[in-house]
Every structure is written in C-alpha cells, then in structure tokens.
C-alpha cells in the first residue's frame, strides 16, 4: 500500500476512480511489495512466480470491485488483491538476510561486496 501511495499521491483511505489510470498506478506499485514473498498453490503445492500470482489476483480483484462500483477506497483495492492471493496460495516471507546484497539494473545485476 505504501508503494501505491507513493506512486499515486493518494492516501489509503481516499476514494479513487477505478479507471485505467488508477489500474496502471496499482500495477506499477504492487510488484515491489509482492517480491518479498514466495507462493505455492494450495491445491497442488506448485511454486508460482510472484509476478504471476499478482497478475492473476489483480485481474480477479479488479473485476470484482468494478462489478460493484466505479469507485473504491484505495485500501479496499489492495485488500481485494490480498484476499485473492490468500484464497489460492500458501505464502512465505523471503528471508533476505541470508542472500547476498545486489544492485539490480534493467540490463544486469551487480553483486555488492560483503
């Protein structure tokens, strides 16, 4: 949610229009949040990449919200996405402390010295 607030300038309790602009801002802000977790399907145990989990959950949540109204509080959008994820996936936090620090650029990754 913090990423969305930064990307949009909207507060979490602001009512937002469920239009393409809002959808685009949310789609850009949520990947940074979801990358902190790993996901496996509840029905099969299959590990699924976070981006795939997010895309599926976002589409379902957006359709659900749009079917009810053209407006929603920003926090409700995020909660709807989380609800869709929790319904279908087991979620684990990724422990980043055990991984080497890196700087990621669009074209390459640079490991940082320990």
PDB file of N, CA and C in Angstrom:
ATOM      1  N   UNK A   1       0.822  -1.181   0.000  1.00  0.00           N
ATOM      2  CA  UNK A   1       0.000   0.000   0.000  1.00  0.00           C
ATOM      3  C   UNK A   1       0.866   1.245   0.000  1.00  0.00           C
ATOM      4  N   UNK A   2       1.964   1.218   0.711  1.00  0.00           N
ATOM      5  CA  UNK A   2       2.860   2.368   0.744  1.00  0.00           C
ATOM      6  C   UNK A   2       3.378   2.669  -0.653  1.00  0.00           C
ATOM      7  N   UNK A   3       3.701   1.631  -1.407  1.00  0.00           N
ATOM      8  CA  UNK A   3       4.181   1.835  -2.778  1.00  0.00           C
ATOM      9  C   UNK A   3       3.123   2.516  -3.626  1.00  0.00           C
ATOM     10  N   UNK A   4       1.866   2.122  -3.447  1.00  0.00           N
ATOM     11  CA  UNK A   4       0.787   2.755  -4.205  1.00  0.00           C
ATOM     12  C   UNK A   4       0.653   4.215  -3.804  1.00  0.00           C
ATOM     13  N   UNK A   5       0.713   4.497  -2.503  1.00  0.00           N
ATOM     14  CA  UNK A   5       0.587   5.880  -2.041  1.00  0.00           C
ATOM     15  C   UNK A   5       1.678   6.750  -2.652  1.00  0.00           C
ATOM     16  N   UNK A   6       2.881   6.230  -2.714  1.00  0.00           N
ATOM     17  CA  UNK A   6       3.982   6.987  -3.320  1.00  0.00           C
ATOM     18  C   UNK A   6       3.765   7.184  -4.816  1.00  0.00           C
ATOM     19  N   UNK A   7       3.326   6.129  -5.497  1.00  0.00           N
ATOM     20  CA  UNK A   7       3.146   6.195  -6.952  1.00  0.00           C
ATOM     21  C   UNK A   7       1.987   7.094  -7.351  1.00  0.00           C
ATOM     22  N   UNK A   8       0.941   7.128  -6.531  1.00  0.00           N
ATOM     23  CA  UNK A   8      -0.278   7.834  -6.928  1.00  0.00           C
ATOM     24  C   UNK A   8      -0.469   9.184  -6.252  1.00  0.00           C
ATOM     25  N   UNK A   9       0.149   9.360  -5.083  1.00  0.00           N
ATOM     26  CA  UNK A   9      -0.108  10.565  -4.309  1.00  0.00           C
ATOM     27  C   UNK A   9      -1.425  10.478  -3.544  1.00  0.00           C
ATOM     28  N   UNK A  10      -2.096   9.353  -3.623  1.00  0.00           N
ATOM     29  CA  UNK A  10      -3.374   9.130  -2.939  1.00  0.00           C
ATOM     30  C   UNK A  10      -3.131   8.488  -1.577  1.00  0.00           C
ATOM     31  N   UNK A  11      -3.953   8.850  -0.602  1.00  0.00           N
ATOM     32  CA  UNK A  11      -3.910   8.188   0.691  1.00  0.00           C
ATOM     33  C   UNK A  11      -4.681   6.886   0.636  1.00  0.00           C
ATOM     34  N   UNK A  12      -4.402   5.992   1.545  1.00  0.00           N
ATOM     35  CA  UNK A  12      -5.036   4.671   1.507  1.00  0.00           C
ATOM     36  C   UNK A  12      -6.543   4.723   1.734  1.00  0.00           C
ATOM     37  N   UNK A  13      -7.038   5.777   2.382  1.00  0.00           N
ATOM     38  CA  UNK A  13      -8.474   5.870   2.631  1.00  0.00           C
ATOM     39  C   UNK A  13      -9.184   6.801   1.655  1.00  0.00           C
ATOM     40  N   UNK A  14      -8.449   7.323   0.676  1.00  0.00           N
ATOM     41  CA  UNK A  14      -9.069   8.139  -0.366  1.00  0.00           C
ATOM     42  C   UNK A  14      -9.900   7.262  -1.285  1.00  0.00           C
ATOM     43  N   UNK A  15     -11.011   7.816  -1.727  1.00  0.00           N
ATOM     44  CA  UNK A  15     -11.838   7.127  -2.725  1.00  0.00           C
ATOM     45  C   UNK A  15     -11.225   7.419  -4.091  1.00  0.00           C
ATOM     46  N   UNK A  16     -10.969   6.373  -4.847  1.00  0.00           N
ATOM     47  CA  UNK A  16     -10.351   6.543  -6.166  1.00  0.00           C
ATOM     48  C   UNK A  16     -11.269   5.991  -7.251  1.00  0.00           C
ATOM     49  N   UNK A  17     -11.140   6.571  -8.423  1.00  0.00           N
ATOM     50  CA  UNK A  17     -11.891   6.118  -9.584  1.00  0.00           C
ATOM     51  C   UNK A  17     -11.242   4.835 -10.092  1.00  0.00           C
ATOM     52  N   UNK A  18     -12.028   3.820 -10.317  1.00  0.00           N
ATOM     53  CA  UNK A  18     -11.496   2.553 -10.823  1.00  0.00           C
ATOM     54  C   UNK A  18     -11.366   2.639 -12.347  1.00  0.00           C
ATOM     55  N   UNK A  19     -10.502   3.552 -12.772  1.00  0.00           N
ATOM     56  CA  UNK A  19     -10.271   3.759 -14.202  1.00  0.00           C
ATOM     57  C   UNK A  19      -8.903   3.213 -14.592  1.00  0.00           C
ATOM     58  N   UNK A  20      -8.561   3.358 -15.849  1.00  0.00           N
ATOM     59  CA  UNK A  20      -7.296   2.812 -16.350  1.00  0.00           C
ATOM     60  C   UNK A  20      -6.092   3.452 -15.673  1.00  0.00           C
ATOM     61  N   UNK A  21      -6.165   4.742 -15.376  1.00  0.00           N
ATOM     62  CA  UNK A  21      -5.044   5.435 -14.724  1.00  0.00           C
ATOM     63  C   UNK A  21      -4.754   4.836 -13.346  1.00  0.00           C
ATOM     64  N   UNK A  22      -5.795   4.630 -12.560  1.00  0.00           N
ATOM     65  CA  UNK A  22      -5.625   4.020 -11.236  1.00  0.00           C
ATOM     66  C   UNK A  22      -5.094   2.601 -11.367  1.00  0.00           C
ATOM     67  N   UNK A  23      -5.643   1.868 -12.313  1.00  0.00           N
ATOM     68  CA  UNK A  23      -5.203   0.489 -12.539  1.00  0.00           C
ATOM     69  C   UNK A  23      -3.721   0.450 -12.891  1.00  0.00           C
ATOM     70  N   UNK A  24      -3.285   1.348 -13.771  1.00  0.00           N
ATOM     71  CA  UNK A  24      -1.875   1.398 -14.166  1.00  0.00           C
ATOM     72  C   UNK A  24      -0.970   1.711 -12.978  1.00  0.00           C
ATOM     73  N   UNK A  25      -1.374   2.670 -12.139  1.00  0.00           N
ATOM     74  CA  UNK A  25      -0.572   3.034 -10.962  1.00  0.00           C
ATOM     75  C   UNK A  25      -0.443   1.851 -10.002  1.00  0.00           C
ATOM     76  N   UNK A  26      -1.544   1.163  -9.789  1.00  0.00           N
ATOM     77  CA  UNK A  26      -1.507  -0.004  -8.902  1.00  0.00           C
ATOM     78  C   UNK A  26      -0.626  -1.108  -9.464  1.00  0.00           C
ATOM     79  N   UNK A  27      -0.766  -1.368 -10.747  1.00  0.00           N
ATOM     80  CA  UNK A  27       0.036  -2.431 -11.367  1.00  0.00           C
ATOM     81  C   UNK A  27       1.526  -2.120 -11.286  1.00  0.00           C
ATOM     82  N   UNK A  28       1.888  -0.852 -11.315  1.00  0.00           N
ATOM     83  CA  UNK A  28       3.303  -0.478 -11.203  1.00  0.00           C
ATOM     84  C   UNK A  28       3.796  -0.537  -9.762  1.00  0.00           C
ATOM     85  N   UNK A  29       2.918  -0.293  -8.802  1.00  0.00           N
ATOM     86  CA  UNK A  29       3.360  -0.205  -7.406  1.00  0.00           C
ATOM     87  C   UNK A  29       3.398  -1.542  -6.676  1.00  0.00           C
ATOM     88  N   UNK A  30       2.538  -2.459  -7.023  1.00  0.00           N
ATOM     89  CA  UNK A  30       2.427  -3.702  -6.250  1.00  0.00           C
ATOM     90  C   UNK A  30       3.576  -4.692  -6.408  1.00  0.00           C
ATOM     91  N   UNK A  31       4.254  -4.776  -7.569  1.00  0.00           N
ATOM     92  CA  UNK A  31       5.343  -5.761  -7.667  1.00  0.00           C
ATOM     93  C   UNK A  31       6.435  -5.609  -6.609  1.00  0.00           C
ATOM     94  N   UNK A  32       6.745  -4.388  -6.194  1.00  0.00           N
ATOM     95  CA  UNK A  32       7.789  -4.222  -5.178  1.00  0.00           C
ATOM     96  C   UNK A  32       7.357  -4.827  -3.846  1.00  0.00           C
ATOM     97  N   UNK A  33       6.079  -4.801  -3.562  1.00  0.00           N
ATOM     98  CA  UNK A  33       5.565  -5.390  -2.326  1.00  0.00           C
ATOM     99  C   UNK A  33       5.563  -6.917  -2.398  1.00  0.00           C
ATOM    100  N   UNK A  34       5.102  -7.450  -3.495  1.00  0.00           N
ATOM    101  CA  UNK A  34       4.911  -8.903  -3.613  1.00  0.00           C
ATOM    102  C   UNK A  34       6.230  -9.660  -3.726  1.00  0.00           C
ATOM    103  N   UNK A  35       7.280  -8.998  -4.151  1.00  0.00           N
ATOM    104  CA  UNK A  35       8.575  -9.672  -4.307  1.00  0.00           C
ATOM    105  C   UNK A  35       9.180 -10.088  -2.966  1.00  0.00           C
ATOM    106  N   UNK A  36       8.571  -9.679  -1.872  1.00  0.00           N
ATOM    107  CA  UNK A  36       9.055 -10.028  -0.534  1.00  0.00           C
ATOM    108  C   UNK A  36       8.574 -11.415  -0.084  1.00  0.00           C
ATOM    109  N   UNK A  37       7.771 -12.074  -0.943  1.00  0.00           N
ATOM    110  CA  UNK A  37       7.141 -13.337  -0.562  1.00  0.00           C
ATOM    111  C   UNK A  37       7.334 -14.413  -1.627  1.00  0.00           C
ATOM    112  N   UNK A  38       7.206 -15.677  -1.194  1.00  0.00           N
ATOM    113  CA  UNK A  38       7.167 -16.794  -2.146  1.00  0.00           C
ATOM    114  C   UNK A  38       5.780 -17.425  -2.032  1.00  0.00           C
ATOM    115  N   UNK A  39       5.328 -18.026  -3.138  1.00  0.00           N
ATOM    116  CA  UNK A  39       3.961 -18.520  -3.217  1.00  0.00           C
ATOM    117  C   UNK A  39       3.912 -19.935  -3.753  1.00  0.00           C
ATOM    118  N   UNK A  40       3.043 -20.752  -3.151  1.00  0.00           N
ATOM    119  CA  UNK A  40       2.778 -22.088  -3.696  1.00  0.00           C
ATOM    120  C   UNK A  40       1.267 -22.299  -3.684  1.00  0.00           C
ATOM    121  N   UNK A  41       0.789 -22.956  -4.724  1.00  0.00           N
ATOM    122  CA  UNK A  41      -0.657 -23.192  -4.856  1.00  0.00           C
ATOM    123  C   UNK A  41      -1.143 -24.093  -3.722  1.00  0.00           C
ATOM    124  N   UNK A  42      -2.236 -23.732  -3.118  1.00  0.00           N
ATOM    125  CA  UNK A  42      -2.805 -24.537  -2.034  1.00  0.00           C
ATOM    126  C   UNK A  42      -3.251 -25.903  -2.535  1.00  0.00           C
ATOM    127  N   UNK A  43      -3.737 -25.971  -3.772  1.00  0.00           N
ATOM    128  CA  UNK A  43      -4.273 -27.233  -4.276  1.00  0.00           C
ATOM    129  C   UNK A  43      -3.208 -28.216  -4.736  1.00  0.00           C
ATOM    130  N   UNK A  44      -2.041 -27.721  -5.173  1.00  0.00           N
ATOM    131  CA  UNK A  44      -1.030 -28.630  -5.726  1.00  0.00           C
ATOM    132  C   UNK A  44       0.353 -28.499  -5.090  1.00  0.00           C
ATOM    133  N   UNK A  45       0.587 -27.407  -4.359  1.00  0.00           N
ATOM    134  CA  UNK A  45       1.905 -27.172  -3.781  1.00  0.00           C
ATOM    135  C   UNK A  45       2.909 -26.610  -4.772  1.00  0.00           C
ATOM    136  N   UNK A  46       2.489 -26.395  -6.009  1.00  0.00           N
ATOM    137  CA  UNK A  46       3.371 -25.870  -7.051  1.00  0.00           C
ATOM    138  C   UNK A  46       3.786 -24.442  -6.736  1.00  0.00           C
ATOM    139  N   UNK A  47       5.084 -24.168  -6.817  1.00  0.00           N
ATOM    140  CA  UNK A  47       5.592 -22.817  -6.618  1.00  0.00           C
ATOM    141  C   UNK A  47       5.252 -21.970  -7.839  1.00  0.00           C
ATOM    142  N   UNK A  48       4.797 -20.751  -7.583  1.00  0.00           N
ATOM    143  CA  UNK A  48       4.385 -19.848  -8.655  1.00  0.00           C
ATOM    144  C   UNK A  48       5.145 -18.533  -8.495  1.00  0.00           C
ATOM    145  N   UNK A  49       5.678 -17.979  -9.585  1.00  0.00           N
ATOM    146  CA  UNK A  49       6.402 -16.706  -9.504  1.00  0.00           C
ATOM    147  C   UNK A  49       5.498 -15.586  -8.976  1.00  0.00           C
ATOM    148  N   UNK A  50       6.035 -14.707  -8.135  1.00  0.00           N
ATOM    149  CA  UNK A  50       5.237 -13.618  -7.570  1.00  0.00           C
ATOM    150  C   UNK A  50       4.518 -12.774  -8.623  1.00  0.00           C
ATOM    151  N   UNK A  51       5.162 -12.512  -9.739  1.00  0.00           N
ATOM    152  CA  UNK A  51       4.521 -11.683 -10.763  1.00  0.00           C
ATOM    153  C   UNK A  51       3.272 -12.356 -11.328  1.00  0.00           C
ATOM    154  N   UNK A  52       3.319 -13.669 -11.470  1.00  0.00           N
ATOM    155  CA  UNK A  52       2.150 -14.412 -11.968  1.00  0.00           C
ATOM    156  C   UNK A  52       1.025 -14.402 -10.936  1.00  0.00           C
ATOM    157  N   UNK A  53       1.387 -14.576  -9.674  1.00  0.00           N
ATOM    158  CA  UNK A  53       0.413 -14.535  -8.584  1.00  0.00           C
ATOM    159  C   UNK A  53      -0.277 -13.175  -8.570  1.00  0.00           C
ATOM    160  N   UNK A  54       0.517 -12.126  -8.649  1.00  0.00           N
ATOM    161  CA  UNK A  54      -0.023 -10.774  -8.602  1.00  0.00           C
ATOM    162  C   UNK A  54      -0.935 -10.495  -9.790  1.00  0.00           C
ATOM    163  N   UNK A  55      -0.497 -10.867 -10.963  1.00  0.00           N
ATOM    164  CA  UNK A  55      -1.298 -10.600 -12.159  1.00  0.00           C
ATOM    165  C   UNK A  55      -2.669 -11.270 -12.061  1.00  0.00           C
ATOM    166  N   UNK A  56      -2.671 -12.537 -11.670  1.00  0.00           N
ATOM    167  CA  UNK A  56      -3.929 -13.282 -11.534  1.00  0.00           C
ATOM    168  C   UNK A  56      -4.828 -12.652 -10.471  1.00  0.00           C
ATOM    169  N   UNK A  57      -4.264 -12.361  -9.308  1.00  0.00           N
ATOM    170  CA  UNK A  57      -5.046 -11.800  -8.202  1.00  0.00           C
ATOM    171  C   UNK A  57      -5.552 -10.404  -8.537  1.00  0.00           C
ATOM    172  N   UNK A  58      -4.721  -9.628  -9.195  1.00  0.00           N
ATOM    173  CA  UNK A  58      -5.105  -8.262  -9.536  1.00  0.00           C
ATOM    174  C   UNK A  58      -6.281  -8.263 -10.511  1.00  0.00           C
ATOM    175  N   UNK A  59      -6.216  -9.101 -11.523  1.00  0.00           N
ATOM    176  CA  UNK A  59      -7.304  -9.181 -12.508  1.00  0.00           C
ATOM    177  C   UNK A  59      -8.613  -9.568 -11.819  1.00  0.00           C
ATOM    178  N   UNK A  60      -8.557 -10.586 -10.967  1.00  0.00           N
ATOM    179  CA  UNK A  60      -9.770 -11.045 -10.277  1.00  0.00           C
ATOM    180  C   UNK A  60     -10.320  -9.958  -9.344  1.00  0.00           C
ATOM    181  N   UNK A  61      -9.439  -9.333  -8.567  1.00  0.00           N
ATOM    182  CA  UNK A  61      -9.870  -8.303  -7.621  1.00  0.00           C
ATOM    183  C   UNK A  61     -10.451  -7.099  -8.359  1.00  0.00           C
ATOM    184  N   UNK A  62      -9.793  -6.684  -9.425  1.00  0.00           N
ATOM    185  CA  UNK A  62     -10.253  -5.523 -10.192  1.00  0.00           C
ATOM    186  C   UNK A  62     -11.648  -5.793 -10.761  1.00  0.00           C
ATOM    187  N   UNK A  63     -11.846  -6.974 -11.332  1.00  0.00           N
ATOM    188  CA  UNK A  63     -13.154  -7.320 -11.899  1.00  0.00           C
ATOM    189  C   UNK A  63     -14.237  -7.332 -10.818  1.00  0.00           C
ATOM    190  N   UNK A  64     -13.905  -7.870  -9.662  1.00  0.00           N
ATOM    191  CA  UNK A  64     -14.853  -7.918  -8.555  1.00  0.00           C
ATOM    192  C   UNK A  64     -15.253  -6.508  -8.120  1.00  0.00           C
ATOM    193  N   UNK A  65     -14.277  -5.638  -7.926  1.00  0.00           N
ATOM    194  CA  UNK A  65     -14.559  -4.271  -7.493  1.00  0.00           C
ATOM    195  C   UNK A  65     -15.331  -3.491  -8.554  1.00  0.00           C
ATOM    196  N   UNK A  66     -14.929  -3.625  -9.811  1.00  0.00           N
ATOM    197  CA  UNK A  66     -15.600  -2.904 -10.904  1.00  0.00           C
ATOM    198  C   UNK A  66     -17.048  -3.362 -11.068  1.00  0.00           C
ATOM    199  N   UNK A  67     -17.337  -4.611 -10.728  1.00  0.00           N
ATOM    200  CA  UNK A  67     -18.712  -5.105 -10.855  1.00  0.00           C
ATOM    201  C   UNK A  67     -19.639  -4.459  -9.828  1.00  0.00           C
ATOM    202  N   UNK A  68     -19.058  -3.874  -8.771  1.00  0.00           N
ATOM    203  CA  UNK A  68     -19.856  -3.267  -7.705  1.00  0.00           C
ATOM    204  C   UNK A  68     -19.986  -1.757  -7.850  1.00  0.00           C
ATOM    205  N   UNK A  69     -18.917  -1.102  -8.345  1.00  0.00           N
ATOM    206  CA  UNK A  69     -18.907   0.358  -8.410  1.00  0.00           C
ATOM    207  C   UNK A  69     -17.753   0.834  -9.283  1.00  0.00           C
ATOM    208  N   UNK A  70     -17.806   2.101  -9.668  1.00  0.00           N
ATOM    209  CA  UNK A  70     -16.689   2.700 -10.401  1.00  0.00           C
ATOM    210  C   UNK A  70     -15.707   3.382  -9.460  1.00  0.00           C
ATOM    211  N   UNK A  71     -15.983   3.321  -8.148  1.00  0.00           N
ATOM    212  CA  UNK A  71     -15.116   3.947  -7.159  1.00  0.00           C
ATOM    213  C   UNK A  71     -14.884   2.984  -5.995  1.00  0.00           C
ATOM    214  N   UNK A  72     -13.722   3.117  -5.359  1.00  0.00           N
ATOM    215  CA  UNK A  72     -13.418   2.331  -4.159  1.00  0.00           C
ATOM    216  C   UNK A  72     -12.317   3.042  -3.391  1.00  0.00           C
ATOM    217  N   UNK A  73     -12.263   2.823  -2.102  1.00  0.00           N
ATOM    218  CA  UNK A  73     -11.139   3.344  -1.323  1.00  0.00           C
ATOM    219  C   UNK A  73      -9.905   2.551  -1.720  1.00  0.00           C
ATOM    220  N   UNK A  74      -8.785   3.242  -1.793  1.00  0.00           N
ATOM    221  CA  UNK A  74      -7.536   2.610  -2.233  1.00  0.00           C
ATOM    222  C   UNK A  74      -7.211   1.370  -1.398  1.00  0.00           C
ATOM    223  N   UNK A  75      -7.440   1.439  -0.110  1.00  0.00           N
ATOM    224  CA  UNK A  75      -7.125   0.308   0.763  1.00  0.00           C
ATOM    225  C   UNK A  75      -7.978  -0.913   0.407  1.00  0.00           C
ATOM    226  N   UNK A  76      -9.211  -0.704  -0.055  1.00  0.00           N
ATOM    227  CA  UNK A  76     -10.075  -1.826  -0.429  1.00  0.00           C
ATOM    228  C   UNK A  76      -9.552  -2.553  -1.660  1.00  0.00           C
ATOM    229  N   UNK A  77      -8.918  -1.805  -2.549  1.00  0.00           N
ATOM    230  CA  UNK A  77      -8.343  -2.428  -3.741  1.00  0.00           C
ATOM    231  C   UNK A  77      -7.226  -3.374  -3.320  1.00  0.00           C
ATOM    232  N   UNK A  78      -6.334  -2.873  -2.486  1.00  0.00           N
ATOM    233  CA  UNK A  78      -5.222  -3.692  -2.008  1.00  0.00           C
ATOM    234  C   UNK A  78      -5.737  -4.898  -1.228  1.00  0.00           C
ATOM    235  N   UNK A  79      -6.722  -4.679  -0.365  1.00  0.00           N
ATOM    236  CA  UNK A  79      -7.280  -5.785   0.412  1.00  0.00           C
ATOM    237  C   UNK A  79      -7.924  -6.836  -0.487  1.00  0.00           C
ATOM    238  N   UNK A  80      -8.553  -6.407  -1.567  1.00  0.00           N
ATOM    239  CA  UNK A  80      -9.167  -7.358  -2.500  1.00  0.00           C
ATOM    240  C   UNK A  80      -8.103  -8.204  -3.190  1.00  0.00           C
ATOM    241  N   UNK A  81      -6.981  -7.583  -3.549  1.00  0.00           N
ATOM    242  CA  UNK A  81      -5.877  -8.323  -4.175  1.00  0.00           C
ATOM    243  C   UNK A  81      -5.315  -9.336  -3.178  1.00  0.00           C
ATOM    244  N   UNK A  82      -5.063  -8.890  -1.959  1.00  0.00           N
ATOM    245  CA  UNK A  82      -4.527  -9.781  -0.923  1.00  0.00           C
ATOM    246  C   UNK A  82      -5.488 -10.945  -0.668  1.00  0.00           C
ATOM    247  N   UNK A  83      -6.767 -10.661  -0.614  1.00  0.00           N
ATOM    248  CA  UNK A  83      -7.765 -11.707  -0.394  1.00  0.00           C
ATOM    249  C   UNK A  83      -7.722 -12.760  -1.504  1.00  0.00           C
ATOM    250  N   UNK A  84      -7.590 -12.314  -2.740  1.00  0.00           N
ATOM    251  CA  UNK A  84      -7.498 -13.243  -3.865  1.00  0.00           C
ATOM    252  C   UNK A  84      -6.248 -14.123  -3.746  1.00  0.00           C
ATOM    253  N   UNK A  85      -5.147 -13.526  -3.314  1.00  0.00           N
ATOM    254  CA  UNK A  85      -3.896 -14.283  -3.154  1.00  0.00           C
ATOM    255  C   UNK A  85      -4.033 -15.301  -2.023  1.00  0.00           C
ATOM    256  N   UNK A  86      -4.519 -14.849  -0.873  1.00  0.00           N
ATOM    257  CA  UNK A  86      -4.640 -15.738   0.287  1.00  0.00           C
ATOM    258  C   UNK A  86      -5.586 -16.906   0.028  1.00  0.00           C
ATOM    259  N   UNK A  87      -6.582 -16.689  -0.817  1.00  0.00           N
ATOM    260  CA  UNK A  87      -7.561 -17.730  -1.128  1.00  0.00           C
ATOM    261  C   UNK A  87      -6.924 -18.897  -1.889  1.00  0.00           C
ATOM    262  N   UNK A  88      -5.917 -18.616  -2.711  1.00  0.00           N
ATOM    263  CA  UNK A  88      -5.373 -19.631  -3.618  1.00  0.00           C
ATOM    264  C   UNK A  88      -3.946 -20.082  -3.305  1.00  0.00           C
ATOM    265  N   UNK A  89      -3.224 -19.331  -2.470  1.00  0.00           N
ATOM    266  CA  UNK A  89      -1.800 -19.611  -2.287  1.00  0.00           C
ATOM    267  C   UNK A  89      -1.400 -19.699  -0.822  1.00  0.00           C
ATOM    268  N   UNK A  90      -0.404 -20.554  -0.554  1.00  0.00           N
ATOM    269  CA  UNK A  90       0.310 -20.529   0.716  1.00  0.00           C
ATOM    270  C   UNK A  90       1.428 -19.516   0.525  1.00  0.00           C
ATOM    271  N   UNK A  91       1.637 -18.682   1.531  1.00  0.00           N
ATOM    272  CA  UNK A  91       2.556 -17.552   1.402  1.00  0.00           C
ATOM    273  C   UNK A  91       3.645 -17.661   2.454  1.00  0.00           C
ATOM    274  N   UNK A  92       4.888 -17.446   2.022  1.00  0.00           N
ATOM    275  CA  UNK A  92       6.023 -17.423   2.948  1.00  0.00           C
ATOM    276  C   UNK A  92       6.826 -16.156   2.703  1.00  0.00           C
ATOM    277  N   UNK A  93       7.292 -15.553   3.793  1.00  0.00           N
ATOM    278  CA  UNK A  93       8.154 -14.383   3.679  1.00  0.00           C
ATOM    279  C   UNK A  93       9.540 -14.845   3.262  1.00  0.00           C
ATOM    280  N   UNK A  94      10.144 -14.146   2.332  1.00  0.00           N
ATOM    281  CA  UNK A  94      11.505 -14.461   1.898  1.00  0.00           C
ATOM    282  C   UNK A  94      12.471 -13.783   2.853  1.00  0.00           C
ATOM    283  N   UNK A  95      13.391 -14.571   3.430  1.00  0.00           N
ATOM    284  CA  UNK A  95      14.401 -14.026   4.339  1.00  0.00           C
ATOM    285  C   UNK A  95      15.551 -13.486   3.507  1.00  0.00           C
ATOM    286  N   UNK A  96      15.600 -12.188   3.340  1.00  0.00           N
ATOM    287  CA  UNK A  96      16.621 -11.547   2.504  1.00  0.00           C
ATOM    288  C   UNK A  96      17.977 -11.441   3.225  1.00  0.00           C
ATOM    289  N   UNK A  97      17.985 -11.661   4.529  1.00  0.00           N
ATOM    290  CA  UNK A  97      19.245 -11.541   5.268  1.00  0.00           C
ATOM    291  C   UNK A  97      20.257 -12.590   4.848  1.00  0.00           C
ATOM    292  N   UNK A  98      19.777 -13.733   4.380  1.00  0.00           N
ATOM    293  CA  UNK A  98      20.691 -14.811   4.010  1.00  0.00           C
ATOM    294  C   UNK A  98      21.144 -14.718   2.556  1.00  0.00           C
ATOM    295  N   UNK A  99      20.647 -13.723   1.836  1.00  0.00           N
ATOM    296  CA  UNK A  99      21.012 -13.570   0.432  1.00  0.00           C
ATOM    297  C   UNK A  99      22.023 -12.443   0.281  1.00  0.00           C
ATOM    298  N   UNK A 100      22.971 -12.574  -0.668  1.00  0.00           N
ATOM    299  CA  UNK A 100      23.939 -11.506  -0.875  1.00  0.00           C
ATOM    300  C   UNK A 100      23.250 -10.256  -1.418  1.00  0.00           C
ATOM    301  N   UNK A 101      23.747  -9.107  -1.014  1.00  0.00           N
ATOM    302  CA  UNK A 101      23.196  -7.843  -1.494  1.00  0.00           C
ATOM    303  C   UNK A 101      23.598  -7.611  -2.943  1.00  0.00           C
ATOM    304  N   UNK A 102      22.670  -7.105  -3.718  1.00  0.00           N
ATOM    305  CA  UNK A 102      22.936  -6.814  -5.125  1.00  0.00           C
ATOM    306  C   UNK A 102      22.236  -5.522  -5.519  1.00  0.00           C
ATOM    307  N   UNK A 103      22.753  -4.914  -6.557  1.00  0.00           N
ATOM    308  CA  UNK A 103      22.081  -3.784  -7.185  1.00  0.00           C
ATOM    309  C   UNK A 103      21.552  -4.292  -8.511  1.00  0.00           C
ATOM    310  N   UNK A 104      20.253  -4.136  -8.743  1.00  0.00           N
ATOM    311  CA  UNK A 104      19.671  -4.628  -9.984  1.00  0.00           C
ATOM    312  C   UNK A 104      19.365  -3.468 -10.923  1.00  0.00           C
ATOM    313  N   UNK A 105      19.853  -3.599 -12.138  1.00  0.00           N
ATOM    314  CA  UNK A 105      19.582  -2.660 -13.213  1.00  0.00           C
ATOM    315  C   UNK A 105      18.744  -3.391 -14.248  1.00  0.00           C
ATOM    316  N   UNK A 106      18.060  -2.660 -15.127  1.00  0.00           N
ATOM    317  CA  UNK A 106      17.247  -3.350 -16.130  1.00  0.00           C
ATOM    318  C   UNK A 106      18.033  -4.349 -16.982  1.00  0.00           C
ATOM    319  N   UNK A 107      19.329  -4.097 -17.201  1.00  0.00           N
ATOM    320  CA  UNK A 107      20.096  -4.964 -18.095  1.00  0.00           C
ATOM    321  C   UNK A 107      21.054  -5.907 -17.390  1.00  0.00           C
ATOM    322  N   UNK A 108      21.381  -5.650 -16.116  1.00  0.00           N
ATOM    323  CA  UNK A 108      22.336  -6.520 -15.424  1.00  0.00           C
ATOM    324  C   UNK A 108      22.259  -6.321 -13.909  1.00  0.00           C
ATOM    325  N   UNK A 109      22.885  -7.232 -13.170  1.00  0.00           N
ATOM    326  CA  UNK A 109      22.915  -7.195 -11.713  1.00  0.00           C
ATOM    327  C   UNK A 109      24.354  -7.121 -11.245  1.00  0.00           C
ATOM    328  N   UNK A 110      24.602  -6.269 -10.250  1.00  0.00           N
ATOM    329  CA  UNK A 110      25.953  -6.118  -9.704  1.00  0.00           C
ATOM    330  C   UNK A 110      25.938  -6.585  -8.252  1.00  0.00           C
ATOM    331  N   UNK A 111      26.683  -7.676  -7.907  1.00  0.00           N
ATOM    332  CA  UNK A 111      26.769  -8.102  -6.505  1.00  0.00           C
ATOM    333  C   UNK A 111      27.575  -7.087  -5.697  1.00  0.00           C
ATOM    334  N   UNK A 112      27.149  -6.818  -4.484  1.00  0.00           N
ATOM    335  CA  UNK A 112      27.884  -5.927  -3.601  1.00  0.00           C
ATOM    336  C   UNK A 112      28.804  -6.756  -2.720  1.00  0.00           C
ATOM    337  N   UNK A 113      29.962  -6.212  -2.410  1.00  0.00           N
ATOM    338  CA  UNK A 113      30.916  -6.922  -1.552  1.00  0.00           C
ATOM    339  C   UNK A 113      30.335  -7.064  -0.158  1.00  0.00           C
ATOM    340  N   UNK A 114      30.611  -8.190   0.483  1.00  0.00           N
ATOM    341  CA  UNK A 114      30.090  -8.445   1.834  1.00  0.00           C
ATOM    342  C   UNK A 114      30.876  -7.680   2.846  1.00  0.00           C
TER     343      UNK A 114
END
